[in-house]
Structures are given as C-alpha cells and as structure tokens.
Amino acid sequence: MFPLGNVLMPGGLLSLHVFEDRYRQLVRDCIESPDHEFGVVLIDRGHEVGGGDVRRPVGTVVRMVQVAELPDGRFAVIAVGVRRVRVNEWLADDPYPTAAVDDWPDLDEYVDGDQLAAVVQRVRRTLALAVELGDEVSDPGFDLGDDPALISFQLADLAPVGAADAYDLLCAVGPATRVAELDELLAGVEATQAFRLQSP
C-alpha cells in the first residue's frame, strides 16, 4: 500500500516520484510481481513521507504501466487506477505499509443519460472557470470512455473538488449515486467560483 495526500479513482492516472527506501522496495517488489499492482489510500492525518500517518479505509488498486529507475536509485512511476478496495486490516509497515483488502465493486445502478451529460458539461464549465481563476486543474477538453460507471469515476477524478469530497465520491455505492453527489458538490464549487470572480 502507498498512502497519498490525494485520492485516485479507478481509471485515473497516478504519477509518482519514489525516493523513500521503503517505497523503492515496494516498486521493486511490484516489478517482480505478475500484475505489477499496489494499493493507494488517502492519508487522513499526517504526511506521505516518514510514516506515522492515519489512513482512510477505502482505496484504489493501481497497475504500474511505466517505470524508470534513475541513476541514484529513485523511481519515476506512472500507474493507472484499476479497481476499488476496502481495507479490512492494516498489517505491518515492514518494509512498507501492507493491508488485507477486499475488492469493492460498484452496485449495478442505472445512470440517467441526460443527468450524466449535464454533469459532464458542469465539470467542463467548472474546470474552465478554474483555469480562468488561475487554479491548477485538469484540461476542460478531456475525453471520456463509453461505460457510465467508468465515466462516473473519471468525472470524480477530473472535477475541481478537495480530497475529502473526492474520497466521498470514491466511496459512493454506485455510478448513479456518484454522479448525483458530484452534481451537488459542483453547485458549491460554482458558488465559490462566482464569488471569486466578483472579488477585486
């Protein structure tokens, strides 16, 4: 497991600069494993570096798709989110954090096409405004997949929301619930953006 200060959704891309000895070992172990996978979870309190953090119990399994070892032993890693998991028990941090986990697939919810299209446009609009406000966000011209469940995760990954809200979206029971919750969150984002645009 690799605790992080942000949330990664299934389908999302993760770029890591790995310099701590324990996580260098994790990368080496994953390279040698047949699936090249590890888990990521949000740090609730504490820091990514040095340990002693408090971790959220839901995370995402990621698969390494590009790994480059640098001359000094550090690694540059690109990974993609594969599936959602729940942590049943944290095990020893030796040499890096490990946990017993279960896959946690979405419920098979019907996603209304019109609502989904409206939320897609809302995410594009809030990202465009965020760019105008000088925030570092995803490109509003993003591309999406065809599967509504994957799209719900992609939108949650792209939307300009904080880590705590992103975690709540990761934990939504299914895609329709996730899209509805994201729609509500974006109303608050738009209100904040409108206020910032009016400020001198």
C-alpha atoms as a PDB file:
ATOM      1  CA  MET A   1       0.000   0.000   0.000  1.00  0.00           C
ATOM      2  CA  PHE A   2       1.120   3.533  -0.810  1.00  0.00           C
ATOM      3  CA  PRO A   3      -0.692   6.185   1.317  1.00  0.00           C
ATOM      4  CA  LEU A   4      -1.068   9.515  -0.518  1.00  0.00           C
ATOM      5  CA  GLY A   5      -2.261  13.030   0.157  1.00  0.00           C
ATOM      6  CA  ASN A   6      -4.832  12.823  -2.643  1.00  0.00           C
ATOM      7  CA  VAL A   7      -7.482  10.431  -3.956  1.00  0.00           C
ATOM      8  CA  LEU A   8      -7.110   8.319  -7.081  1.00  0.00           C
ATOM      9  CA  MET A   9     -10.162   6.883  -8.838  1.00  0.00           C
ATOM     10  CA  PRO A  10     -10.351   3.722 -10.916  1.00  0.00           C
ATOM     11  CA  GLY A  11      -9.385   4.807 -14.427  1.00  0.00           C
ATOM     12  CA  GLY A  12      -7.293   7.707 -13.136  1.00  0.00           C
ATOM     13  CA  LEU A  13      -3.582   8.204 -13.809  1.00  0.00           C
ATOM     14  CA  LEU A  14      -1.047   8.399 -10.996  1.00  0.00           C
ATOM     15  CA  SER A  15       2.422   9.864 -11.430  1.00  0.00           C
ATOM     16  CA  LEU A  16       4.862   9.133  -8.598  1.00  0.00           C
ATOM     17  CA  HIS A  17       8.396  10.228  -7.825  1.00  0.00           C
ATOM     18  CA  VAL A  18       9.577   7.500  -5.443  1.00  0.00           C
ATOM     19  CA  PHE A  19      12.556   8.375  -3.264  1.00  0.00           C
ATOM     20  CA  GLU A  20      11.973   6.802   0.182  1.00  0.00           C
ATOM     21  CA  ASP A  21      13.792   3.498   0.649  1.00  0.00           C
ATOM     22  CA  ARG A  22      10.650   1.644   1.733  1.00  0.00           C
ATOM     23  CA  TYR A  23       8.709   2.680  -1.372  1.00  0.00           C
ATOM     24  CA  ARG A  24      11.668   1.945  -3.632  1.00  0.00           C
ATOM     25  CA  GLN A  25      11.360  -1.597  -2.274  1.00  0.00           C
ATOM     26  CA  LEU A  26       7.602  -1.560  -2.980  1.00  0.00           C
ATOM     27  CA  VAL A  27       8.270  -0.604  -6.603  1.00  0.00           C
ATOM     28  CA  ARG A  28      10.908  -3.321  -6.967  1.00  0.00           C
ATOM     29  CA  ASP A  29       8.506  -5.906  -5.490  1.00  0.00           C
ATOM     30  CA  CYS A  30       5.732  -4.783  -7.848  1.00  0.00           C
ATOM     31  CA  ILE A  31       8.031  -5.010 -10.857  1.00  0.00           C
ATOM     32  CA  GLU A  32       8.713  -8.635  -9.924  1.00  0.00           C
ATOM     33  CA  SER A  33       5.030  -9.474  -9.343  1.00  0.00           C
ATOM     34  CA  PRO A  34       2.947 -10.738 -12.296  1.00  0.00           C
ATOM     35  CA  ASP A  35       0.287  -7.995 -12.096  1.00  0.00           C
ATOM     36  CA  HIS A  36       2.556  -5.009 -11.194  1.00  0.00           C
ATOM     37  CA  GLU A  37      -0.140  -3.733  -8.799  1.00  0.00           C
ATOM     38  CA  PHE A  38      -0.242  -1.958  -5.442  1.00  0.00           C
ATOM     39  CA  GLY A  39      -2.900  -0.082  -3.486  1.00  0.00           C
ATOM     40  CA  VAL A  40      -3.239   3.632  -2.759  1.00  0.00           C
ATOM     41  CA  VAL A  41      -5.278   5.201   0.031  1.00  0.00           C
ATOM     42  CA  LEU A  42      -5.873   8.743   1.226  1.00  0.00           C
ATOM     43  CA  ILE A  43      -3.942   9.903   4.274  1.00  0.00           C
ATOM     44  CA  ASP A  44      -6.430  11.242   6.809  1.00  0.00           C
ATOM     45  CA  ARG A  45      -3.819  12.847   9.059  1.00  0.00           C
ATOM     46  CA  GLY A  46      -0.057  13.018   8.789  1.00  0.00           C
ATOM     47  CA  HIS A  47       2.295  13.109   5.824  1.00  0.00           C
ATOM     48  CA  GLU A  48       3.327  10.935   2.896  1.00  0.00           C
ATOM     49  CA  VAL A  49       6.961  10.997   3.936  1.00  0.00           C
ATOM     50  CA  GLY A  50       8.263   9.342   7.077  1.00  0.00           C
ATOM     51  CA  GLY A  51       5.289   7.259   8.220  1.00  0.00           C
ATOM     52  CA  GLY A  52       3.079   7.775  11.291  1.00  0.00           C
ATOM     53  CA  ASP A  53       0.094   8.717   9.126  1.00  0.00           C
ATOM     54  CA  VAL A  54      -3.594   7.882   9.672  1.00  0.00           C
ATOM     55  CA  ARG A  55      -5.174   6.318   6.582  1.00  0.00           C
ATOM     56  CA  ARG A  56      -8.689   6.130   5.136  1.00  0.00           C
ATOM     57  CA  PRO A  57     -10.143   2.614   4.778  1.00  0.00           C
ATOM     58  CA  VAL A  58     -11.144   2.765   1.092  1.00  0.00           C
ATOM     59  CA  GLY A  59      -8.639   2.987  -1.719  1.00  0.00           C
ATOM     60  CA  THR A  60      -7.792   2.022  -5.262  1.00  0.00           C
ATOM     61  CA  VAL A  61      -5.590  -0.699  -6.694  1.00  0.00           C
ATOM     62  CA  VAL A  62      -3.278   0.700  -9.367  1.00  0.00           C
ATOM     63  CA  ARG A  63      -1.230  -1.060 -12.039  1.00  0.00           C
ATOM     64  CA  MET A  64       2.185   0.278 -12.970  1.00  0.00           C
ATOM     65  CA  VAL A  65       2.368   0.940 -16.715  1.00  0.00           C
ATOM     66  CA  GLN A  66       5.688   2.813 -16.889  1.00  0.00           C
ATOM     67  CA  VAL A  67       8.640   2.598 -14.510  1.00  0.00           C
ATOM     68  CA  ALA A  68      12.002   4.297 -14.886  1.00  0.00           C
ATOM     69  CA  GLU A  69      14.831   3.818 -12.388  1.00  0.00           C
ATOM     70  CA  LEU A  70      17.002   6.903 -12.063  1.00  0.00           C
ATOM     71  CA  PRO A  71      20.787   6.734 -11.582  1.00  0.00           C
ATOM     72  CA  ASP A  72      20.537   7.498  -7.840  1.00  0.00           C
ATOM     73  CA  GLY A  73      18.029   4.687  -7.216  1.00  0.00           C
ATOM     74  CA  ARG A  74      14.851   6.770  -7.276  1.00  0.00           C
ATOM     75  CA  PHE A  75      11.938   5.693  -9.457  1.00  0.00           C
ATOM     76  CA  ALA A  76       9.568   7.581 -11.744  1.00  0.00           C
ATOM     77  CA  VAL A  77       6.311   5.622 -11.927  1.00  0.00           C
ATOM     78  CA  ILE A  78       3.151   6.022 -14.000  1.00  0.00           C
ATOM     79  CA  ALA A  79       0.233   3.865 -12.837  1.00  0.00           C
ATOM     80  CA  VAL A  80      -3.457   3.616 -13.695  1.00  0.00           C
ATOM     81  CA  GLY A  81      -6.315   3.000 -11.274  1.00  0.00           C
ATOM     82  CA  VAL A  82      -7.817  -0.458 -11.783  1.00  0.00           C
ATOM     83  CA  ARG A  83     -10.432  -1.141  -9.086  1.00  0.00           C
ATOM     84  CA  ARG A  84     -11.729  -0.002  -5.716  1.00  0.00           C
ATOM     85  CA  VAL A  85     -10.875  -1.853  -2.483  1.00  0.00           C
ATOM     86  CA  ARG A  86     -11.784  -1.745   1.195  1.00  0.00           C
ATOM     87  CA  VAL A  87      -9.114  -2.251   3.838  1.00  0.00           C
ATOM     88  CA  ASN A  88     -10.066  -4.946   6.345  1.00  0.00           C
ATOM     89  CA  GLU A  89      -6.899  -4.724   8.410  1.00  0.00           C
ATOM     90  CA  TRP A  90      -3.647  -2.810   8.341  1.00  0.00           C
ATOM     91  CA  LEU A  91      -0.677  -5.144   8.644  1.00  0.00           C
ATOM     92  CA  ALA A  92       2.951  -4.422   9.457  1.00  0.00           C
ATOM     93  CA  ASP A  93       4.716  -1.468   7.831  1.00  0.00           C
ATOM     94  CA  ASP A  94       7.726  -3.670   7.113  1.00  0.00           C
ATOM     95  CA  PRO A  95       9.358  -2.519   4.961  1.00  0.00           C
ATOM     96  CA  TYR A  96       6.362  -0.564   3.600  1.00  0.00           C
ATOM     97  CA  PRO A  97       2.627  -0.376   4.525  1.00  0.00           C
ATOM     98  CA  THR A  98       0.636  -3.533   3.813  1.00  0.00           C
ATOM     99  CA  ALA A  99      -3.016  -4.385   4.318  1.00  0.00           C
ATOM    100  CA  ALA A 100      -5.591  -7.126   3.933  1.00  0.00           C
ATOM    101  CA  VAL A 101      -8.153  -5.820   1.424  1.00  0.00           C
ATOM    102  CA  ASP A 102     -11.308  -6.875  -0.411  1.00  0.00           C
ATOM    103  CA  ASP A 103     -12.367  -5.668  -3.839  1.00  0.00           C
ATOM    104  CA  TRP A 104     -15.376  -3.342  -3.592  1.00  0.00           C
ATOM    105  CA  PRO A 105     -17.183  -3.183  -6.946  1.00  0.00           C
ATOM    106  CA  ASP A 106     -19.893  -0.604  -7.603  1.00  0.00           C
ATOM    107  CA  LEU A 107     -23.544  -1.531  -7.288  1.00  0.00           C
ATOM    108  CA  ASP A 108     -25.142  -2.012 -10.692  1.00  0.00           C
ATOM    109  CA  GLU A 109     -27.096   1.276 -10.750  1.00  0.00           C
ATOM    110  CA  TYR A 110     -28.874   2.727 -13.779  1.00  0.00           C
ATOM    111  CA  VAL A 111     -27.303   6.036 -14.816  1.00  0.00           C
ATOM    112  CA  ASP A 112     -29.658   8.503 -16.459  1.00  0.00           C
ATOM    113  CA  GLY A 113     -28.050   9.625 -19.711  1.00  0.00           C
ATOM    114  CA  ASP A 114     -29.410  13.173 -19.564  1.00  0.00           C
ATOM    115  CA  GLN A 115     -28.203  13.703 -15.990  1.00  0.00           C
ATOM    116  CA  LEU A 116     -24.802  12.288 -16.867  1.00  0.00           C
ATOM    117  CA  ALA A 117     -24.484  14.604 -19.884  1.00  0.00           C
ATOM    118  CA  ALA A 118     -25.474  17.580 -17.719  1.00  0.00           C
ATOM    119  CA  VAL A 119     -22.827  16.717 -15.105  1.00  0.00           C
ATOM    120  CA  VAL A 120     -20.187  16.283 -17.816  1.00  0.00           C
ATOM    121  CA  GLN A 121     -20.935  19.818 -19.006  1.00  0.00           C
ATOM    122  CA  ARG A 122     -20.905  21.098 -15.443  1.00  0.00           C
ATOM    123  CA  VAL A 123     -17.481  19.588 -14.824  1.00  0.00           C
ATOM    124  CA  ARG A 124     -16.185  21.162 -18.066  1.00  0.00           C
ATOM    125  CA  ARG A 125     -17.629  24.543 -17.032  1.00  0.00           C
ATOM    126  CA  THR A 126     -16.133  24.492 -13.526  1.00  0.00           C
ATOM    127  CA  LEU A 127     -12.750  23.419 -14.887  1.00  0.00           C
ATOM    128  CA  ALA A 128     -12.803  26.228 -17.462  1.00  0.00           C
ATOM    129  CA  LEU A 129     -13.617  28.749 -14.719  1.00  0.00           C
ATOM    130  CA  ALA A 130     -10.893  27.281 -12.515  1.00  0.00           C
ATOM    131  CA  VAL A 131      -8.387  27.814 -15.341  1.00  0.00           C
ATOM    132  CA  GLU A 132      -9.611  31.414 -15.686  1.00  0.00           C
ATOM    133  CA  LEU A 133      -9.077  31.873 -11.939  1.00  0.00           C
ATOM    134  CA  GLY A 134      -5.514  30.583 -12.210  1.00  0.00           C
ATOM    135  CA  ASP A 135      -6.063  27.234 -10.468  1.00  0.00           C
ATOM    136  CA  GLU A 136      -4.070  24.165 -11.457  1.00  0.00           C
ATOM    137  CA  VAL A 137      -6.710  21.761 -12.725  1.00  0.00           C
ATOM    138  CA  SER A 138      -7.318  19.198 -15.451  1.00  0.00           C
ATOM    139  CA  ASP A 139      -7.887  20.225 -19.063  1.00  0.00           C
ATOM    140  CA  PRO A 140     -11.590  21.095 -19.615  1.00  0.00           C
ATOM    141  CA  GLY A 141     -11.348  19.417 -23.032  1.00  0.00           C
ATOM    142  CA  PHE A 142     -10.968  15.938 -21.515  1.00  0.00           C
ATOM    143  CA  ASP A 143     -12.087  12.746 -23.264  1.00  0.00           C
ATOM    144  CA  LEU A 144     -14.274  10.134 -21.581  1.00  0.00           C
ATOM    145  CA  GLY A 145     -14.881   6.420 -22.012  1.00  0.00           C
ATOM    146  CA  ASP A 146     -18.166   4.811 -23.039  1.00  0.00           C
ATOM    147  CA  ASP A 147     -19.112   2.987 -19.836  1.00  0.00           C
ATOM    148  CA  PRO A 148     -21.249   5.114 -17.454  1.00  0.00           C
ATOM    149  CA  ALA A 149     -19.644   3.514 -14.371  1.00  0.00           C
ATOM    150  CA  LEU A 150     -16.147   4.394 -15.598  1.00  0.00           C
ATOM    151  CA  ILE A 151     -17.333   7.872 -16.609  1.00  0.00           C
ATOM    152  CA  SER A 152     -18.622   8.459 -13.070  1.00  0.00           C
ATOM    153  CA  PHE A 153     -15.135   7.741 -11.721  1.00  0.00           C
ATOM    154  CA  GLN A 154     -13.473   9.817 -14.449  1.00  0.00           C
ATOM    155  CA  LEU A 155     -15.655  12.825 -13.660  1.00  0.00           C
ATOM    156  CA  ALA A 156     -14.951  12.453  -9.944  1.00  0.00           C
ATOM    157  CA  ASP A 157     -11.231  12.344 -10.745  1.00  0.00           C
ATOM    158  CA  LEU A 158     -11.364  15.425 -13.013  1.00  0.00           C
ATOM    159  CA  ALA A 159     -13.715  17.656 -11.007  1.00  0.00           C
ATOM    160  CA  PRO A 160     -12.125  20.554  -9.084  1.00  0.00           C
ATOM    161  CA  VAL A 161     -13.077  19.280  -5.610  1.00  0.00           C
ATOM    162  CA  GLY A 162     -10.979  18.767  -2.485  1.00  0.00           C
ATOM    163  CA  ALA A 163      -9.538  15.466  -1.273  1.00  0.00           C
ATOM    164  CA  ALA A 164     -12.258  14.871   1.332  1.00  0.00           C
ATOM    165  CA  ASP A 165     -15.032  15.346  -1.245  1.00  0.00           C
ATOM    166  CA  ALA A 166     -13.166  13.179  -3.758  1.00  0.00           C
ATOM    167  CA  TYR A 167     -12.918  10.456  -1.124  1.00  0.00           C
ATOM    168  CA  ASP A 168     -16.686  10.615  -0.548  1.00  0.00           C
ATOM    169  CA  LEU A 169     -17.181  10.206  -4.316  1.00  0.00           C
ATOM    170  CA  LEU A 170     -14.839   7.207  -4.335  1.00  0.00           C
ATOM    171  CA  CYS A 171     -16.983   5.676  -1.573  1.00  0.00           C
ATOM    172  CA  ALA A 172     -20.330   6.199  -3.361  1.00  0.00           C
ATOM    173  CA  VAL A 173     -22.173   2.896  -3.628  1.00  0.00           C
ATOM    174  CA  GLY A 174     -22.604   3.076  -7.408  1.00  0.00           C
ATOM    175  CA  PRO A 175     -22.275   5.251 -10.502  1.00  0.00           C
ATOM    176  CA  ALA A 176     -25.706   6.908 -10.340  1.00  0.00           C
ATOM    177  CA  THR A 177     -25.162   7.848  -6.696  1.00  0.00           C
ATOM    178  CA  ARG A 178     -21.674   9.147  -7.544  1.00  0.00           C
ATOM    179  CA  VAL A 179     -22.986  11.311 -10.403  1.00  0.00           C
ATOM    180  CA  ALA A 180     -25.763  12.751  -8.207  1.00  0.00           C
ATOM    181  CA  GLU A 181     -23.327  13.504  -5.360  1.00  0.00           C
ATOM    182  CA  LEU A 182     -20.887  15.127  -7.772  1.00  0.00           C
ATOM    183  CA  ASP A 183     -23.696  17.292  -9.173  1.00  0.00           C
ATOM    184  CA  GLU A 184     -24.416  18.590  -5.652  1.00  0.00           C
ATOM    185  CA  LEU A 185     -20.730  19.236  -4.965  1.00  0.00           C
ATOM    186  CA  LEU A 186     -20.348  21.184  -8.190  1.00  0.00           C
ATOM    187  CA  ALA A 187     -23.124  23.548  -7.132  1.00  0.00           C
ATOM    188  CA  GLY A 188     -20.921  24.574  -4.218  1.00  0.00           C
ATOM    189  CA  VAL A 189     -17.867  24.821  -6.473  1.00  0.00           C
ATOM    190  CA  GLU A 190     -19.754  27.111  -8.854  1.00  0.00           C
ATOM    191  CA  ALA A 191     -20.903  29.337  -5.998  1.00  0.00           C
ATOM    192  CA  THR A 192     -17.335  29.689  -4.746  1.00  0.00           C
ATOM    193  CA  GLN A 193     -16.066  30.420  -8.241  1.00  0.00           C
ATOM    194  CA  ALA A 194     -18.747  33.078  -8.787  1.00  0.00           C
ATOM    195  CA  PHE A 195     -17.690  34.784  -5.548  1.00  0.00           C
ATOM    196  CA  ARG A 196     -14.028  34.695  -6.533  1.00  0.00           C
ATOM    197  CA  LEU A 197     -14.799  36.141  -9.967  1.00  0.00           C
ATOM    198  CA  GLN A 198     -16.623  39.079  -8.355  1.00  0.00           C
ATOM    199  CA  SER A 199     -13.823  39.780  -5.877  1.00  0.00           C
ATOM    200  CA  PRO A 200     -11.451  42.645  -6.766  1.00  0.00           C
END
